[in-house]
Amino acid sequence: MTAKLLDGKALAEQIQQEIALEATAFRARTGVTPCLAAVLIGDDPASDVYVRNKRRDCERAGLTSQLHRHDGAMSEAELLALVERLNADAAVHGILVQLPLPRHINTARVLEAVDPLKDVDAFHPENVGRIVQGQPRFLPCTPYGVIELLRRNDVALAGAHAVILGRSDIVGKPLANMLVQRGLDATVTVCHSRTRYLPELTRLADVLIAAIGQPKFVTAAMVKPGAVVIDVGINRTDAGLVGDVDFSSVSEVALLITPVPGGVGPLTRAMLLKNTLTAAELQSQKR
């Protein structure tokens, strides 16, 4: 059996087209164009590419964007002052602080300074709490993309056993909280570096989501035949970009599988646009 590819790039383009139509209708109704402000500190090459792609996506979807770029010597106080200015700017609807930040800056303090109504990454504790309660304002972009990929490819989640490899605040934890909510109704197991009997657990998964940050960590022996495998990992190796899944072997066992690149990554950016549009709608209701 050779797995069918879940094409995240094609789906992201479809979602961007949907957002463009919604943004046009919103602009006609309110006279407002949703705006995303990205804050980039330092010269991390991967972050630079990612932010550049996000700005291009905004243009395609009919949103505007700002880039606030500063060198790695920017102080925490200066960054917090910038965030406060963006919070107060009515023309800015979403604020993205690109991670990682330089080591001398307290990341948690900066993320908590973002206005929860402009927190389009859904990292603010208030928005995290709303997700846990099943009352989300925004959904974190990568988990949101994973859910859309599964939903739009008719993957049955109700009653399914979803195993997540990784417990990060960006992917693993929020995705687990999203999958167990009513309406999705999956049974979720979260595994990590200290998990015992890991291959036995992953072989129980109807849906296996790898977000562990180790290249080609998931092998065919760890996957139940006929499982859906979602590879969130992006690892730079001498051979190029690879995921957390050994694609060549696992694709012979799985039913559906995401490629790297071209799987979850484009959807992460698409859902950021969706959140920015949602943020603009919420803020227009407050005025």
Protein backbone atom coordinates (compact mmCIF):
# COMPACT_ATOMS: atom_id res chain seq x y z
CA MET A 1 0.00 0.00 0.00
CA THR A 2 1.24 3.48 -0.87
CA ALA A 3 -0.24 6.35 1.11
CA LYS A 4 -2.21 9.13 -0.53
CA LEU A 5 -0.59 12.54 -0.13
CA LEU A 6 -2.39 15.23 1.84
CA ASP A 7 -1.52 18.31 -0.20
CA GLY A 8 -1.26 21.19 2.26
CA LYS A 9 -0.02 23.63 -0.35
CA ALA A 10 -3.10 23.22 -2.56
CA LEU A 11 -5.44 23.43 0.42
CA ALA A 12 -3.69 26.56 1.72
CA GLU A 13 -4.20 28.25 -1.65
CA GLN A 14 -7.89 27.35 -1.51
CA ILE A 15 -8.23 28.76 2.00
CA GLN A 16 -6.39 31.94 0.98
CA GLN A 17 -8.90 32.43 -1.84
CA GLU A 18 -11.74 32.02 0.64
CA ILE A 19 -10.12 34.56 2.97
CA ALA A 20 -9.69 37.00 0.06
CA LEU A 21 -13.43 36.87 -0.61
CA GLU A 22 -14.23 37.33 3.09
CA ALA A 23 -11.76 40.21 3.38
CA THR A 24 -13.33 41.93 0.37
CA ALA A 25 -16.78 41.62 1.93
CA PHE A 26 -15.47 42.88 5.28
CA ARG A 27 -13.81 45.88 3.64
CA ALA A 28 -16.99 46.71 1.72
CA ARG A 29 -19.03 46.53 4.92
CA THR A 30 -16.70 48.42 7.25
CA GLY A 31 -14.24 50.35 5.08
CA VAL A 32 -11.43 48.61 6.98
CA THR A 33 -8.65 46.45 5.55
CA PRO A 34 -7.37 43.83 8.03
CA CYS A 35 -3.72 44.44 8.90
CA LEU A 36 -1.08 42.11 10.31
CA ALA A 37 1.99 43.60 12.01
CA ALA A 38 4.99 41.28 12.18
CA VAL A 39 7.83 41.93 14.62
CA LEU A 40 11.17 40.39 13.69
CA ILE A 41 14.16 40.72 16.01
CA GLY A 42 17.59 39.54 14.91
CA ASP A 43 18.75 37.85 11.73
CA ASP A 44 17.57 34.25 11.96
CA PRO A 45 17.40 33.10 8.30
CA ALA A 46 14.42 30.77 8.80
CA SER A 47 12.43 33.50 10.55
CA ASP A 48 13.29 35.95 7.78
CA VAL A 49 11.97 33.61 5.09
CA TYR A 50 8.86 32.82 7.13
CA VAL A 51 7.97 36.46 7.71
CA ARG A 52 8.59 37.30 4.05
CA ASN A 53 6.21 34.51 3.01
CA LYS A 54 3.58 35.76 5.45
CA ARG A 55 3.74 39.26 3.98
CA ARG A 56 3.33 37.84 0.48
CA ASP A 57 0.36 35.77 1.64
CA CYS A 58 -1.27 38.91 3.07
CA GLU A 59 -1.00 40.67 -0.28
CA ARG A 60 -2.56 37.72 -2.11
CA ALA A 61 -5.47 37.55 0.33
CA GLY A 62 -6.20 41.28 0.24
CA LEU A 63 -4.82 42.04 3.70
CA THR A 64 -2.21 44.65 4.51
CA SER A 65 0.93 43.99 6.52
CA GLN A 66 3.62 45.81 8.43
CA LEU A 67 7.13 44.60 9.21
CA HIS A 68 8.87 45.96 12.30
CA ARG A 69 12.41 44.67 11.99
CA HIS A 70 15.16 45.32 14.52
CA ASP A 71 18.61 43.92 15.16
CA GLY A 72 19.33 41.43 17.92
CA ALA A 73 20.59 44.15 20.26
CA MET A 74 17.07 45.52 20.80
CA SER A 75 16.32 45.53 24.50
CA GLU A 76 13.34 43.88 26.12
CA ALA A 77 12.04 47.28 27.24
CA GLU A 78 12.22 48.59 23.67
CA LEU A 79 10.38 45.54 22.35
CA LEU A 80 7.66 45.86 24.99
CA ALA A 81 7.25 49.53 24.08
CA LEU A 82 6.85 48.56 20.41
CA VAL A 83 4.23 45.96 21.30
CA GLU A 84 2.35 48.57 23.33
CA ARG A 85 2.35 50.97 20.36
CA LEU A 86 0.97 48.26 18.10
CA ASN A 87 -1.67 47.41 20.71
CA ALA A 88 -2.81 51.03 20.64
CA ASP A 89 -2.77 51.36 16.84
CA ALA A 90 -6.34 50.96 15.58
CA ALA A 91 -5.04 50.27 12.06
CA VAL A 92 -3.29 47.09 13.28
CA HIS A 93 -5.56 44.11 13.90
CA GLY A 94 -3.09 41.28 14.41
CA ILE A 95 0.34 41.23 16.03
CA LEU A 96 2.85 38.50 15.28
CA VAL A 97 6.05 38.40 17.35
CA GLN A 98 8.28 36.04 15.40
CA LEU A 99 9.97 33.40 17.55
CA PRO A 100 12.59 32.65 18.66
CA LEU A 101 13.54 35.91 20.32
CA PRO A 102 17.12 36.69 21.39
CA ARG A 103 18.08 35.01 24.66
CA HIS A 104 18.24 38.25 26.63
CA ILE A 105 14.51 38.83 26.06
CA ASN A 106 11.87 37.11 28.21
CA THR A 107 9.64 35.53 25.58
CA ALA A 108 6.72 34.87 27.94
CA ARG A 109 6.69 38.48 29.11
CA VAL A 110 6.57 39.76 25.53
CA LEU A 111 3.82 37.37 24.42
CA GLU A 112 1.72 38.28 27.46
CA ALA A 113 2.08 41.97 26.55
CA VAL A 114 0.23 41.48 23.26
CA ASP A 115 -3.43 42.55 23.40
CA PRO A 116 -5.43 39.28 23.51
CA LEU A 117 -7.72 40.67 20.79
CA LYS A 118 -4.67 41.08 18.51
CA ASP A 119 -2.93 37.84 19.54
CA VAL A 120 -3.34 36.05 16.20
CA ASP A 121 -0.84 33.33 17.20
CA ALA A 122 -3.08 32.49 20.21
CA PHE A 123 -0.13 32.42 22.61
CA HIS A 124 -1.53 34.81 25.25
CA PRO A 125 -2.61 32.98 28.46
CA GLU A 126 -6.13 34.35 28.07
CA ASN A 127 -6.47 32.83 24.61
CA VAL A 128 -4.86 29.56 25.72
CA GLY A 129 -7.40 29.34 28.53
CA ARG A 130 -10.26 29.94 26.13
CA ILE A 131 -9.03 27.05 23.97
CA VAL A 132 -8.92 24.71 26.96
CA GLN A 133 -12.49 25.72 27.86
CA GLY A 134 -13.70 25.13 24.32
CA GLN A 135 -14.46 28.84 23.79
CA PRO A 136 -11.64 29.91 21.47
CA ARG A 137 -11.23 33.42 20.18
CA PHE A 138 -8.39 32.31 17.90
CA LEU A 139 -6.84 28.90 17.30
CA PRO A 140 -3.04 28.49 17.15
CA CYS A 141 -2.02 28.53 13.52
CA THR A 142 -0.24 25.19 13.13
CA PRO A 143 -2.79 23.12 15.10
CA TYR A 144 -5.55 24.99 13.27
CA GLY A 145 -3.94 24.01 9.97
CA VAL A 146 -3.72 20.37 11.05
CA ILE A 147 -7.41 20.33 11.97
CA GLU A 148 -8.42 21.92 8.66
CA LEU A 149 -6.27 19.42 6.75
CA LEU A 150 -7.97 16.52 8.49
CA ARG A 151 -11.46 17.97 8.29
CA ARG A 152 -11.32 18.92 4.62
CA ASN A 153 -9.96 15.50 3.69
CA ASP A 154 -12.87 13.81 5.49
CA VAL A 155 -10.72 12.11 8.13
CA ALA A 156 -13.13 10.80 10.78
CA LEU A 157 -11.95 12.10 14.16
CA ALA A 158 -14.94 11.27 16.36
CA GLY A 159 -13.92 8.29 18.46
CA ALA A 160 -10.53 8.03 16.74
CA HIS A 161 -7.33 7.59 18.73
CA ALA A 162 -5.00 10.50 17.96
CA VAL A 163 -1.41 10.20 19.18
CA ILE A 164 0.65 13.40 19.27
CA LEU A 165 4.43 13.20 19.43
CA GLY A 166 5.53 16.40 21.14
CA ARG A 167 4.23 18.58 23.98
CA SER A 168 5.26 22.06 22.90
CA ASP A 169 3.15 25.11 23.72
CA ILE A 170 3.00 25.87 19.99
CA VAL A 171 1.77 22.52 18.62
CA GLY A 172 1.44 19.53 20.95
CA LYS A 173 -0.47 20.97 23.91
CA PRO A 174 -2.94 23.17 22.01
CA LEU A 175 -3.60 20.48 19.40
CA ALA A 176 -4.42 17.97 22.13
CA ASN A 177 -6.84 20.44 23.71
CA MET A 178 -8.49 21.10 20.35
CA LEU A 179 -8.90 17.45 19.35
CA VAL A 180 -10.71 16.45 22.55
CA GLN A 181 -13.33 19.21 22.29
CA ARG A 182 -16.93 18.39 21.47
CA GLY A 183 -17.39 18.42 17.73
CA LEU A 184 -14.05 16.75 17.06
CA ASP A 185 -14.33 14.15 19.83
CA ALA A 186 -11.01 12.37 19.38
CA THR A 187 -9.34 10.37 22.13
CA VAL A 188 -5.87 11.86 22.55
CA THR A 189 -2.55 10.54 23.81
CA VAL A 190 0.36 12.99 24.10
CA CYS A 191 3.84 11.46 23.97
CA HIS A 192 7.22 13.08 24.54
CA SER A 193 10.88 12.35 25.17
CA ARG A 194 10.17 10.69 28.53
CA THR A 195 7.34 8.46 27.31
CA ARG A 196 7.85 4.75 27.91
CA TYR A 197 6.94 2.12 25.32
CA LEU A 198 6.66 4.78 22.63
CA PRO A 199 6.46 2.51 19.55
CA GLU A 200 3.69 0.49 21.19
CA LEU A 201 1.69 3.68 21.76
CA THR A 202 2.21 5.11 18.29
CA ARG A 203 1.09 1.82 16.72
CA LEU A 204 -2.29 2.32 18.40
CA ALA A 205 -2.87 5.63 16.60
CA ASP A 206 -5.58 6.05 14.00
CA VAL A 207 -4.13 9.53 13.50
CA LEU A 208 -0.44 10.02 14.28
CA ILE A 209 0.85 13.60 14.49
CA ALA A 210 4.61 14.06 14.68
CA ALA A 211 5.85 17.35 16.14
CA ILE A 212 8.92 16.23 18.03
CA GLY A 213 11.68 18.10 16.17
CA GLN A 214 13.82 15.10 15.25
CA PRO A 215 14.44 14.30 11.58
CA LYS A 216 12.90 11.04 10.34
CA PHE A 217 12.15 9.95 13.91
CA VAL A 218 8.94 8.09 13.04
CA THR A 219 9.62 4.88 11.15
CA ALA A 220 7.27 2.40 9.49
CA ALA A 221 7.58 0.07 12.50
CA MET A 222 5.95 2.78 14.67
CA VAL A 223 2.85 3.19 12.48
CA LYS A 224 -0.33 1.15 12.39
CA PRO A 225 -1.20 0.04 8.85
CA GLY A 226 -3.86 2.33 7.44
CA ALA A 227 -3.16 5.20 9.85
CA VAL A 228 -3.27 8.88 8.94
CA VAL A 229 0.17 10.44 9.50
CA ILE A 230 0.60 14.20 9.87
CA ASP A 231 4.20 15.43 9.86
CA VAL A 232 4.56 18.85 11.49
CA GLY A 233 8.35 18.72 11.68
CA ILE A 234 10.66 20.84 9.54
CA ASN A 235 14.31 19.89 9.95
CA ARG A 236 17.20 21.30 7.94
CA THR A 237 19.71 18.58 7.06
CA ASP A 238 22.59 18.24 4.59
CA ALA A 239 20.10 16.51 2.28
CA GLY A 240 17.63 19.39 2.53
CA LEU A 241 14.35 19.82 4.43
CA VAL A 242 12.93 16.69 6.02
CA GLY A 243 10.14 16.08 8.48
CA ASP A 244 9.91 14.14 11.72
CA VAL A 245 8.63 11.16 9.72
CA ASP A 246 10.70 8.82 7.57
CA PHE A 247 8.50 9.53 4.58
CA SER A 248 9.77 6.81 2.24
CA SER A 249 9.10 3.94 4.64
CA VAL A 250 6.00 5.28 6.41
CA SER A 251 4.25 6.07 3.12
CA GLU A 252 4.25 2.32 2.43
CA VAL A 253 2.24 1.70 5.61
CA ALA A 254 -0.01 4.72 6.13
CA LEU A 255 -3.30 5.46 4.39
CA LEU A 256 -2.76 9.24 4.24
CA ILE A 257 0.43 11.21 4.82
CA THR A 258 1.66 14.80 4.59
CA PRO A 259 4.85 15.64 2.69
CA VAL A 260 7.61 17.95 3.93
CA PRO A 261 7.71 20.54 2.53
CA GLY A 262 4.23 21.18 1.18
CA GLY A 263 2.20 19.70 4.01
CA VAL A 264 1.38 21.52 7.22
CA GLY A 265 3.68 24.53 6.68
CA PRO A 266 1.59 26.39 4.07
CA LEU A 267 -1.51 25.85 6.20
CA THR A 268 0.13 27.47 9.22
CA ARG A 269 0.49 30.67 7.22
CA ALA A 270 -3.05 30.43 5.81
CA MET A 271 -4.57 30.13 9.27
CA LEU A 272 -2.61 33.17 10.41
CA LEU A 273 -4.49 35.14 7.75
CA LYS A 274 -7.76 33.63 8.94
CA ASN A 275 -7.00 34.72 12.50
CA THR A 276 -6.08 38.22 11.35
CA LEU A 277 -9.42 38.56 9.58
CA THR A 278 -11.20 37.25 12.68
CA ALA A 279 -9.30 39.78 14.81
CA ALA A 280 -10.39 42.63 12.55
CA GLU A 281 -14.00 41.47 12.79
CA LEU A 282 -13.85 41.28 16.60
CA GLN A 283 -12.29 44.73 16.89
CA SER A 284 -14.83 46.26 14.52
CA GLN A 285 -17.59 45.01 16.84
CA LYS A 286 -16.02 46.87 19.78
CA ARG A 287 -15.99 50.22 18.02
